[in-house]
Protein backbone atom coordinates (compact mmCIF):
# COMPACT_ATOMS: atom_id res chain seq x y z
CA UNK A 1 90.89 48.79 -25.00
CA UNK A 2 90.66 46.31 -22.14
CA UNK A 3 93.10 43.43 -21.88
CA UNK A 4 91.57 40.32 -23.37
CA UNK A 5 92.12 36.85 -21.97
CA UNK A 6 92.03 33.69 -24.08
CA UNK A 7 90.53 30.86 -22.06
CA UNK A 8 90.57 27.27 -23.38
CA UNK A 9 88.41 24.40 -22.19
CA UNK A 10 86.51 21.38 -23.43
CA UNK A 11 82.73 21.50 -23.45
CA UNK A 12 80.88 18.35 -24.45
CA UNK A 13 82.89 17.03 -27.37
CA UNK A 14 84.33 20.39 -28.40
CA UNK A 15 87.59 22.12 -27.57
CA UNK A 16 86.74 25.83 -27.19
CA UNK A 17 88.76 29.01 -26.87
CA UNK A 18 86.91 32.00 -25.46
CA UNK A 19 88.19 35.55 -25.71
CA UNK A 20 87.01 37.45 -22.66
CA UNK A 21 87.74 40.35 -20.37
CA UNK A 22 87.37 38.04 -17.35
CA UNK A 23 90.31 36.44 -15.58
CA UNK A 24 90.98 32.69 -15.45
CA UNK A 25 89.52 32.30 -11.96
CA UNK A 26 86.19 33.71 -13.13
CA UNK A 27 86.24 31.60 -16.29
CA UNK A 28 87.08 28.45 -14.31
CA UNK A 29 83.93 29.04 -12.26
CA UNK A 30 81.89 29.57 -15.45
CA UNK A 31 83.34 26.36 -16.87
CA UNK A 32 82.53 24.45 -13.67
CA UNK A 33 78.91 25.66 -13.70
CA UNK A 34 78.50 24.94 -17.43
CA UNK A 35 79.89 21.41 -17.02
CA UNK A 36 77.67 20.79 -14.00
CA UNK A 37 74.51 21.96 -15.78
CA UNK A 38 75.46 20.09 -18.96
CA UNK A 39 75.92 16.83 -17.01
CA UNK A 40 72.59 17.31 -15.21
CA UNK A 41 70.76 17.66 -18.53
CA UNK A 42 72.72 14.73 -19.99
CA UNK A 43 71.64 12.52 -17.07
CA UNK A 44 67.99 13.39 -17.74
CA UNK A 45 68.36 12.88 -21.50
CA UNK A 46 71.08 10.24 -21.98
CA UNK A 47 70.26 9.64 -25.65
CA UNK A 48 70.39 13.31 -26.67
CA UNK A 49 73.32 14.42 -28.81
CA UNK A 50 75.79 16.99 -27.50
CA UNK A 51 74.38 19.78 -29.68
CA UNK A 52 70.87 19.29 -28.29
CA UNK A 53 72.25 19.24 -24.75
CA UNK A 54 74.16 22.47 -25.37
CA UNK A 55 71.06 24.15 -26.83
CA UNK A 56 68.96 23.09 -23.85
CA UNK A 57 71.65 24.41 -21.51
CA UNK A 58 71.65 27.75 -23.34
CA UNK A 59 67.86 28.00 -23.26
CA UNK A 60 67.81 27.17 -19.54
CA UNK A 61 70.48 29.82 -18.87
CA UNK A 62 68.50 32.43 -20.82
CA UNK A 63 65.36 31.50 -18.90
CA UNK A 64 67.14 32.01 -15.57
CA UNK A 65 68.60 35.31 -16.80
CA UNK A 66 65.20 36.58 -17.93
CA UNK A 67 63.60 35.68 -14.58
CA UNK A 68 66.37 37.53 -12.74
CA UNK A 69 66.04 40.57 -14.99
CA UNK A 70 62.29 40.65 -14.38
CA UNK A 71 62.86 40.38 -10.61
CA UNK A 72 65.48 43.13 -10.82
CA UNK A 73 63.09 45.42 -12.70
CA UNK A 74 60.42 44.78 -10.06
CA UNK A 75 62.84 45.65 -7.25
CA UNK A 76 63.98 48.76 -9.14
CA UNK A 77 60.35 49.88 -9.54
CA UNK A 78 59.70 49.30 -5.82
CA UNK A 79 62.83 51.28 -4.95
CA UNK A 80 61.78 54.16 -7.21
CA UNK A 81 58.35 54.16 -5.59
CA UNK A 82 59.86 54.23 -2.10
CA UNK A 83 62.23 57.05 -3.09
CA UNK A 84 59.26 59.03 -4.41
CA UNK A 85 57.36 58.51 -1.16
CA UNK A 86 60.36 59.58 0.92
CA UNK A 87 60.87 62.67 -1.20
CA UNK A 88 57.19 63.61 -0.84
CA UNK A 89 57.40 63.21 2.93
CA UNK A 90 60.56 65.30 3.04
CA UNK A 91 58.90 68.04 1.00
CA UNK A 92 55.94 68.00 3.36
CA UNK A 93 58.25 68.32 6.36
CA UNK A 94 60.10 71.17 4.71
CA UNK A 95 56.85 72.92 4.00
CA UNK A 96 55.86 72.62 7.68
CA UNK A 97 59.25 74.04 8.74
CA UNK A 98 58.80 76.99 6.41
CA UNK A 99 55.31 77.55 7.78
CA UNK A 100 56.72 77.71 11.33
CA UNK A 101 59.34 80.25 10.23
CA UNK A 102 56.63 82.48 8.81
CA UNK A 103 54.72 82.49 12.12
């Protein structure tokens, strides 16, 4: 089993402890981004409670993740298509080489 790291930080009004496989440097960057995004939403909605802000942050993060996954799938499909085209061209070239050998 991988070594687990316990990372503590404050988010909104809550003291949190996360158990993760990531090191502190990685988690500090996650914390920085989460705080930055949380503050940006808080500035746009100053009267919202911390729970609402956290939910909006989570929904925004999931939206970004879904967009990236869709883009990744598109790139993967394009790559598969290109590989197929290259393989077809290589087969055609091989067939021509074999034809020359038969002559």
